PDB file of N, CA and C in Angstrom:
ATOM      1  N   MET A   1     -31.808 -22.940 -25.940  1.00  0.00           N
ATOM      2  CA  MET A   1     -32.032 -22.747 -27.342  1.00  0.00           C
ATOM      3  C   MET A   1     -30.685 -22.500 -28.017  1.00  0.00           C
ATOM      4  N   LYS A   2     -30.435 -23.244 -29.077  1.00  0.00           N
ATOM      5  CA  LYS A   2     -29.177 -23.121 -29.800  1.00  0.00           C
ATOM      6  C   LYS A   2     -29.266 -21.955 -30.779  1.00  0.00           C
ATOM      7  N   ARG A   3     -28.252 -21.084 -30.731  1.00  0.00           N
ATOM      8  CA  ARG A   3     -28.214 -19.928 -31.616  1.00  0.00           C
ATOM      9  C   ARG A   3     -27.418 -20.239 -32.860  1.00  0.00           C
ATOM     10  N   LYS A   4     -27.837 -19.647 -33.969  1.00  0.00           N
ATOM     11  CA  LYS A   4     -27.116 -19.778 -35.219  1.00  0.00           C
ATOM     12  C   LYS A   4     -25.874 -18.894 -35.130  1.00  0.00           C
ATOM     13  N   PRO A   5     -24.720 -19.395 -35.542  1.00  0.00           N
ATOM     14  CA  PRO A   5     -23.505 -18.583 -35.446  1.00  0.00           C
ATOM     15  C   PRO A   5     -23.560 -17.374 -36.376  1.00  0.00           C
ATOM     16  N   LEU A   6     -22.853 -16.340 -35.990  1.00  0.00           N
ATOM     17  CA  LEU A   6     -22.750 -15.141 -36.804  1.00  0.00           C
ATOM     18  C   LEU A   6     -21.827 -15.431 -37.981  1.00  0.00           C
ATOM     19  N   THR A   7     -22.350 -15.260 -39.178  1.00  0.00           N
ATOM     20  CA  THR A   7     -21.580 -15.578 -40.372  1.00  0.00           C
ATOM     21  C   THR A   7     -21.342 -14.330 -41.208  1.00  0.00           C
ATOM     22  N   THR A   8     -20.464 -14.444 -42.186  1.00  0.00           N
ATOM     23  CA  THR A   8     -20.209 -13.341 -43.107  1.00  0.00           C
ATOM     24  C   THR A   8     -21.465 -13.023 -43.896  1.00  0.00           C
ATOM     25  N   ARG A   9     -22.222 -14.040 -44.250  1.00  0.00           N
ATOM     26  CA  ARG A   9     -23.481 -13.857 -44.975  1.00  0.00           C
ATOM     27  C   ARG A   9     -24.433 -12.987 -44.178  1.00  0.00           C
ATOM     28  N   THR A  10     -24.579 -13.272 -42.903  1.00  0.00           N
ATOM     29  CA  THR A  10     -25.464 -12.495 -42.037  1.00  0.00           C
ATOM     30  C   THR A  10     -24.990 -11.053 -41.927  1.00  0.00           C
ATOM     31  N   LEU A  11     -23.691 -10.861 -41.785  1.00  0.00           N
ATOM     32  CA  LEU A  11     -23.145  -9.510 -41.676  1.00  0.00           C
ATOM     33  C   LEU A  11     -23.358  -8.712 -42.958  1.00  0.00           C
ATOM     34  N   VAL A  12     -23.146  -9.324 -44.113  1.00  0.00           N
ATOM     35  CA  VAL A  12     -23.312  -8.628 -45.386  1.00  0.00           C
ATOM     36  C   VAL A  12     -24.775  -8.253 -45.609  1.00  0.00           C
ATOM     37  N   ILE A  13     -25.682  -9.184 -45.351  1.00  0.00           N
ATOM     38  CA  ILE A  13     -27.107  -8.917 -45.535  1.00  0.00           C
ATOM     39  C   ILE A  13     -27.573  -7.815 -44.582  1.00  0.00           C
ATOM     40  N   THR A  14     -27.164  -7.870 -43.338  1.00  0.00           N
ATOM     41  CA  THR A  14     -27.567  -6.867 -42.360  1.00  0.00           C
ATOM     42  C   THR A  14     -27.005  -5.494 -42.714  1.00  0.00           C
ATOM     43  N   THR A  15     -25.748  -5.447 -43.111  1.00  0.00           N
ATOM     44  CA  THR A  15     -25.126  -4.175 -43.484  1.00  0.00           C
ATOM     45  C   THR A  15     -25.799  -3.579 -44.710  1.00  0.00           C
ATOM     46  N   ALA A  16     -26.069  -4.392 -45.708  1.00  0.00           N
ATOM     47  CA  ALA A  16     -26.723  -3.895 -46.924  1.00  0.00           C
ATOM     48  C   ALA A  16     -28.119  -3.363 -46.619  1.00  0.00           C
ATOM     49  N   SER A  17     -28.853  -4.044 -45.754  1.00  0.00           N
ATOM     50  CA  SER A  17     -30.199  -3.574 -45.428  1.00  0.00           C
ATOM     51  C   SER A  17     -30.159  -2.279 -44.625  1.00  0.00           C
ATOM     52  N   MET A  18     -29.188  -2.127 -43.741  1.00  0.00           N
ATOM     53  CA  MET A  18     -29.082  -0.892 -42.958  1.00  0.00           C
ATOM     54  C   MET A  18     -28.680   0.286 -43.851  1.00  0.00           C
ATOM     55  N   ILE A  19     -27.761   0.067 -44.782  1.00  0.00           N
ATOM     56  CA  ILE A  19     -27.341   1.135 -45.692  1.00  0.00           C
ATOM     57  C   ILE A  19     -28.510   1.566 -46.578  1.00  0.00           C
ATOM     58  N   THR A  20     -29.222   0.605 -47.125  1.00  0.00           N
ATOM     59  CA  THR A  20     -30.358   0.912 -47.985  1.00  0.00           C
ATOM     60  C   THR A  20     -31.464   1.609 -47.210  1.00  0.00           C
ATOM     61  N   GLY A  21     -31.766   1.114 -46.028  1.00  0.00           N
ATOM     62  CA  GLY A  21     -32.798   1.734 -45.198  1.00  0.00           C
ATOM     63  C   GLY A  21     -32.455   3.163 -44.841  1.00  0.00           C
ATOM     64  N   SER A  22     -31.199   3.401 -44.516  1.00  0.00           N
ATOM     65  CA  SER A  22     -30.754   4.749 -44.176  1.00  0.00           C
ATOM     66  C   SER A  22     -30.884   5.692 -45.365  1.00  0.00           C
ATOM     67  N   ALA A  23     -30.510   5.230 -46.539  1.00  0.00           N
ATOM     68  CA  ALA A  23     -30.614   6.056 -47.740  1.00  0.00           C
ATOM     69  C   ALA A  23     -32.068   6.386 -48.067  1.00  0.00           C
ATOM     70  N   VAL A  24     -32.936   5.401 -47.962  1.00  0.00           N
ATOM     71  CA  VAL A  24     -34.353   5.625 -48.244  1.00  0.00           C
ATOM     72  C   VAL A  24     -34.961   6.577 -47.212  1.00  0.00           C
ATOM     73  N   GLY A  25     -34.601   6.413 -45.952  1.00  0.00           N
ATOM     74  CA  GLY A  25     -35.115   7.299 -44.902  1.00  0.00           C
ATOM     75  C   GLY A  25     -34.659   8.737 -45.079  1.00  0.00           C
ATOM     76  N   THR A  26     -33.404   8.934 -45.432  1.00  0.00           N
ATOM     77  CA  THR A  26     -32.880  10.275 -45.672  1.00  0.00           C
ATOM     78  C   THR A  26     -33.567  10.925 -46.870  1.00  0.00           C
ATOM     79  N   THR A  27     -33.749  10.149 -47.929  1.00  0.00           N
ATOM     80  CA  THR A  27     -34.439  10.666 -49.114  1.00  0.00           C
ATOM     81  C   THR A  27     -35.875  11.050 -48.779  1.00  0.00           C
ATOM     82  N   THR A  28     -36.549  10.222 -47.994  1.00  0.00           N
ATOM     83  CA  THR A  28     -37.924  10.507 -47.597  1.00  0.00           C
ATOM     84  C   THR A  28     -38.010  11.784 -46.769  1.00  0.00           C
ATOM     85  N   GLU A  29     -37.095  11.968 -45.825  1.00  0.00           N
ATOM     86  CA  GLU A  29     -37.100  13.190 -45.026  1.00  0.00           C
ATOM     87  C   GLU A  29     -36.842  14.418 -45.882  1.00  0.00           C
ATOM     88  N   THR A  30     -35.937  14.307 -46.842  1.00  0.00           N
ATOM     89  CA  THR A  30     -35.639  15.431 -47.730  1.00  0.00           C
ATOM     90  C   THR A  30     -36.850  15.798 -48.581  1.00  0.00           C
ATOM     91  N   VAL A  31     -37.488  14.801 -49.163  1.00  0.00           N
ATOM     92  CA  VAL A  31     -38.675  15.052 -49.984  1.00  0.00           C
ATOM     93  C   VAL A  31     -39.791  15.635 -49.126  1.00  0.00           C
ATOM     94  N   ALA A  32     -39.998  15.093 -47.937  1.00  0.00           N
ATOM     95  CA  ALA A  32     -41.047  15.596 -47.052  1.00  0.00           C
ATOM     96  C   ALA A  32     -40.779  17.046 -46.649  1.00  0.00           C
ATOM     97  N   ALA A  33     -39.526  17.381 -46.400  1.00  0.00           N
ATOM     98  CA  ALA A  33     -39.180  18.763 -46.044  1.00  0.00           C
ATOM     99  C   ALA A  33     -39.437  19.708 -47.205  1.00  0.00           C
ATOM    100  N   HIS A  34     -39.133  19.284 -48.422  1.00  0.00           N
ATOM    101  CA  HIS A  34     -39.381  20.124 -49.597  1.00  0.00           C
ATOM    102  C   HIS A  34     -40.872  20.294 -49.867  1.00  0.00           C
ATOM    103  N   LEU A  35     -41.662  19.325 -49.474  1.00  0.00           N
ATOM    104  CA  LEU A  35     -43.110  19.419 -49.655  1.00  0.00           C
ATOM    105  C   LEU A  35     -43.787  20.193 -48.524  1.00  0.00           C
ATOM    106  N   GLY A  36     -43.010  20.566 -47.516  1.00  0.00           N
ATOM    107  CA  GLY A  36     -43.555  21.365 -46.427  1.00  0.00           C
ATOM    108  C   GLY A  36     -44.022  20.566 -45.229  1.00  0.00           C
ATOM    109  N   TYR A  37     -43.802  19.268 -45.232  1.00  0.00           N
ATOM    110  CA  TYR A  37     -44.186  18.442 -44.094  1.00  0.00           C
ATOM    111  C   TYR A  37     -43.021  18.381 -43.118  1.00  0.00           C
ATOM    112  N   ASN A  38     -43.209  18.948 -41.951  1.00  0.00           N
ATOM    113  CA  ASN A  38     -42.129  18.991 -40.970  1.00  0.00           C
ATOM    114  C   ASN A  38     -42.408  18.121 -39.750  1.00  0.00           C
ATOM    115  N   GLY A  39     -43.307  17.174 -39.884  1.00  0.00           N
ATOM    116  CA  GLY A  39     -43.635  16.298 -38.762  1.00  0.00           C
ATOM    117  C   GLY A  39     -42.504  15.348 -38.433  1.00  0.00           C
ATOM    118  N   PRO A  40     -42.271  15.104 -37.171  1.00  0.00           N
ATOM    119  CA  PRO A  40     -41.202  14.184 -36.789  1.00  0.00           C
ATOM    120  C   PRO A  40     -41.606  12.730 -37.019  1.00  0.00           C
ATOM    121  N   GLY A  41     -40.630  11.897 -37.236  1.00  0.00           N
ATOM    122  CA  GLY A  41     -40.867  10.459 -37.301  1.00  0.00           C
ATOM    123  C   GLY A  41     -41.023   9.862 -38.679  1.00  0.00           C
ATOM    124  N   VAL A  42     -41.066  10.684 -39.713  1.00  0.00           N
ATOM    125  CA  VAL A  42     -41.240  10.135 -41.061  1.00  0.00           C
ATOM    126  C   VAL A  42     -39.992   9.375 -41.488  1.00  0.00           C
ATOM    127  N   GLY A  43     -38.839   9.984 -41.359  1.00  0.00           N
ATOM    128  CA  GLY A  43     -37.584   9.353 -41.773  1.00  0.00           C
ATOM    129  C   GLY A  43     -37.269   8.070 -41.034  1.00  0.00           C
ATOM    130  N   PRO A  44     -37.319   8.086 -39.687  1.00  0.00           N
ATOM    131  CA  PRO A  44     -37.023   6.850 -38.961  1.00  0.00           C
ATOM    132  C   PRO A  44     -38.013   5.719 -39.244  1.00  0.00           C
ATOM    133  N   ALA A  45     -39.274   6.061 -39.429  1.00  0.00           N
ATOM    134  CA  ALA A  45     -40.269   5.021 -39.720  1.00  0.00           C
ATOM    135  C   ALA A  45     -40.005   4.379 -41.077  1.00  0.00           C
ATOM    136  N   ILE A  46     -39.726   5.194 -42.082  1.00  0.00           N
ATOM    137  CA  ILE A  46     -39.433   4.669 -43.411  1.00  0.00           C
ATOM    138  C   ILE A  46     -38.106   3.915 -43.416  1.00  0.00           C
ATOM    139  N   THR A  47     -37.137   4.413 -42.645  1.00  0.00           N
ATOM    140  CA  THR A  47     -35.847   3.727 -42.534  1.00  0.00           C
ATOM    141  C   THR A  47     -36.035   2.314 -42.002  1.00  0.00           C
ATOM    142  N   ALA A  48     -36.810   2.182 -40.947  1.00  0.00           N
ATOM    143  CA  ALA A  48     -37.049   0.864 -40.350  1.00  0.00           C
ATOM    144  C   ALA A  48     -37.778  -0.061 -41.313  1.00  0.00           C
ATOM    145  N   MET A  49     -38.822   0.451 -41.965  1.00  0.00           N
ATOM    146  CA  MET A  49     -39.579  -0.390 -42.890  1.00  0.00           C
ATOM    147  C   MET A  49     -38.724  -0.824 -44.083  1.00  0.00           C
ATOM    148  N   ALA A  50     -37.936   0.093 -44.635  1.00  0.00           N
ATOM    149  CA  ALA A  50     -37.095  -0.242 -45.785  1.00  0.00           C
ATOM    150  C   ALA A  50     -36.005  -1.239 -45.392  1.00  0.00           C
ATOM    151  N   ALA A  51     -35.399  -1.044 -44.227  1.00  0.00           N
ATOM    152  CA  ALA A  51     -34.337  -1.955 -43.782  1.00  0.00           C
ATOM    153  C   ALA A  51     -34.890  -3.358 -43.565  1.00  0.00           C
ATOM    154  N   LEU A  52     -36.045  -3.467 -42.945  1.00  0.00           N
ATOM    155  CA  LEU A  52     -36.644  -4.791 -42.726  1.00  0.00           C
ATOM    156  C   LEU A  52     -37.055  -5.443 -44.042  1.00  0.00           C
ATOM    157  N   TRP A  53     -37.574  -4.655 -44.975  1.00  0.00           N
ATOM    158  CA  TRP A  53     -37.989  -5.203 -46.263  1.00  0.00           C
ATOM    159  C   TRP A  53     -36.782  -5.738 -47.024  1.00  0.00           C
ATOM    160  N   VAL A  54     -35.702  -4.942 -47.082  1.00  0.00           N
ATOM    161  CA  VAL A  54     -34.487  -5.370 -47.791  1.00  0.00           C
ATOM    162  C   VAL A  54     -33.868  -6.581 -47.097  1.00  0.00           C
ATOM    163  N   LEU A  55     -33.859  -6.583 -45.769  1.00  0.00           N
ATOM    164  CA  LEU A  55     -33.327  -7.719 -45.019  1.00  0.00           C
ATOM    165  C   LEU A  55     -34.081  -8.994 -45.374  1.00  0.00           C
ATOM    166  N   ASP A  56     -35.399  -8.909 -45.415  1.00  0.00           N
ATOM    167  CA  ASP A  56     -36.211 -10.079 -45.753  1.00  0.00           C
ATOM    168  C   ASP A  56     -35.949 -10.538 -47.182  1.00  0.00           C
ATOM    169  N   LYS A  57     -35.899  -9.593 -48.127  1.00  0.00           N
ATOM    170  CA  LYS A  57     -35.689  -9.958 -49.527  1.00  0.00           C
ATOM    171  C   LYS A  57     -34.303 -10.552 -49.760  1.00  0.00           C
ATOM    172  N   LEU A  58     -33.268  -9.954 -49.171  1.00  0.00           N
ATOM    173  CA  LEU A  58     -31.918 -10.500 -49.334  1.00  0.00           C
ATOM    174  C   LEU A  58     -31.772 -11.854 -48.649  1.00  0.00           C
ATOM    175  N   ASN A  59     -32.404 -12.007 -47.502  1.00  0.00           N
ATOM    176  CA  ASN A  59     -32.339 -13.279 -46.785  1.00  0.00           C
ATOM    177  C   ASN A  59     -32.994 -14.390 -47.609  1.00  0.00           C
ATOM    178  N   THR A  60     -34.097 -14.062 -48.275  1.00  0.00           N
ATOM    179  CA  THR A  60     -34.759 -15.039 -49.127  1.00  0.00           C
ATOM    180  C   THR A  60     -33.950 -15.309 -50.391  1.00  0.00           C
ATOM    181  N   LEU A  61     -33.385 -14.251 -50.969  1.00  0.00           N
ATOM    182  CA  LEU A  61     -32.613 -14.383 -52.199  1.00  0.00           C
ATOM    183  C   LEU A  61     -31.349 -15.196 -52.000  1.00  0.00           C
ATOM    184  N   VAL A  62     -30.678 -14.978 -50.880  1.00  0.00           N
ATOM    185  CA  VAL A  62     -29.409 -15.641 -50.617  1.00  0.00           C
ATOM    186  C   VAL A  62     -29.640 -16.718 -49.560  1.00  0.00           C
ATOM    187  N   ASP A  63     -30.650 -17.508 -49.749  1.00  0.00           N
ATOM    188  CA  ASP A  63     -30.994 -18.547 -48.779  1.00  0.00           C
ATOM    189  C   ASP A  63     -29.930 -19.625 -48.776  1.00  0.00           C
ATOM    190  N   ASP A  64     -29.412 -19.946 -47.597  1.00  0.00           N
ATOM    191  CA  ASP A  64     -28.339 -20.934 -47.517  1.00  0.00           C
ATOM    192  C   ASP A  64     -28.848 -22.342 -47.186  1.00  0.00           C
ATOM    193  N   GLN A  65     -30.156 -22.516 -47.180  1.00  0.00           N
ATOM    194  CA  GLN A  65     -30.718 -23.849 -46.947  1.00  0.00           C
ATOM    195  C   GLN A  65     -30.739 -24.613 -48.267  1.00  0.00           C
ATOM    196  N   LYS A  66     -30.194 -25.800 -48.246  1.00  0.00           N
ATOM    197  CA  LYS A  66     -30.149 -26.577 -49.495  1.00  0.00           C
ATOM    198  C   LYS A  66     -31.143 -27.697 -49.458  1.00  0.00           C
TER     199      LYS A  66
END
């Protein structure tokens, strides 16, 4: 199976999605802690979902297929 080469576009999209996901996850954990919810796993779960959502949206927005 032929792999697509690693490009600057891929790196920028991946980095942006990881930064956004991390920020959303941290915010979610902070809000949950202030509301009294101390259950584990809220931040990482939201981080993963936000990162994947942003990755999908940016990949679609900056589609390099002509």
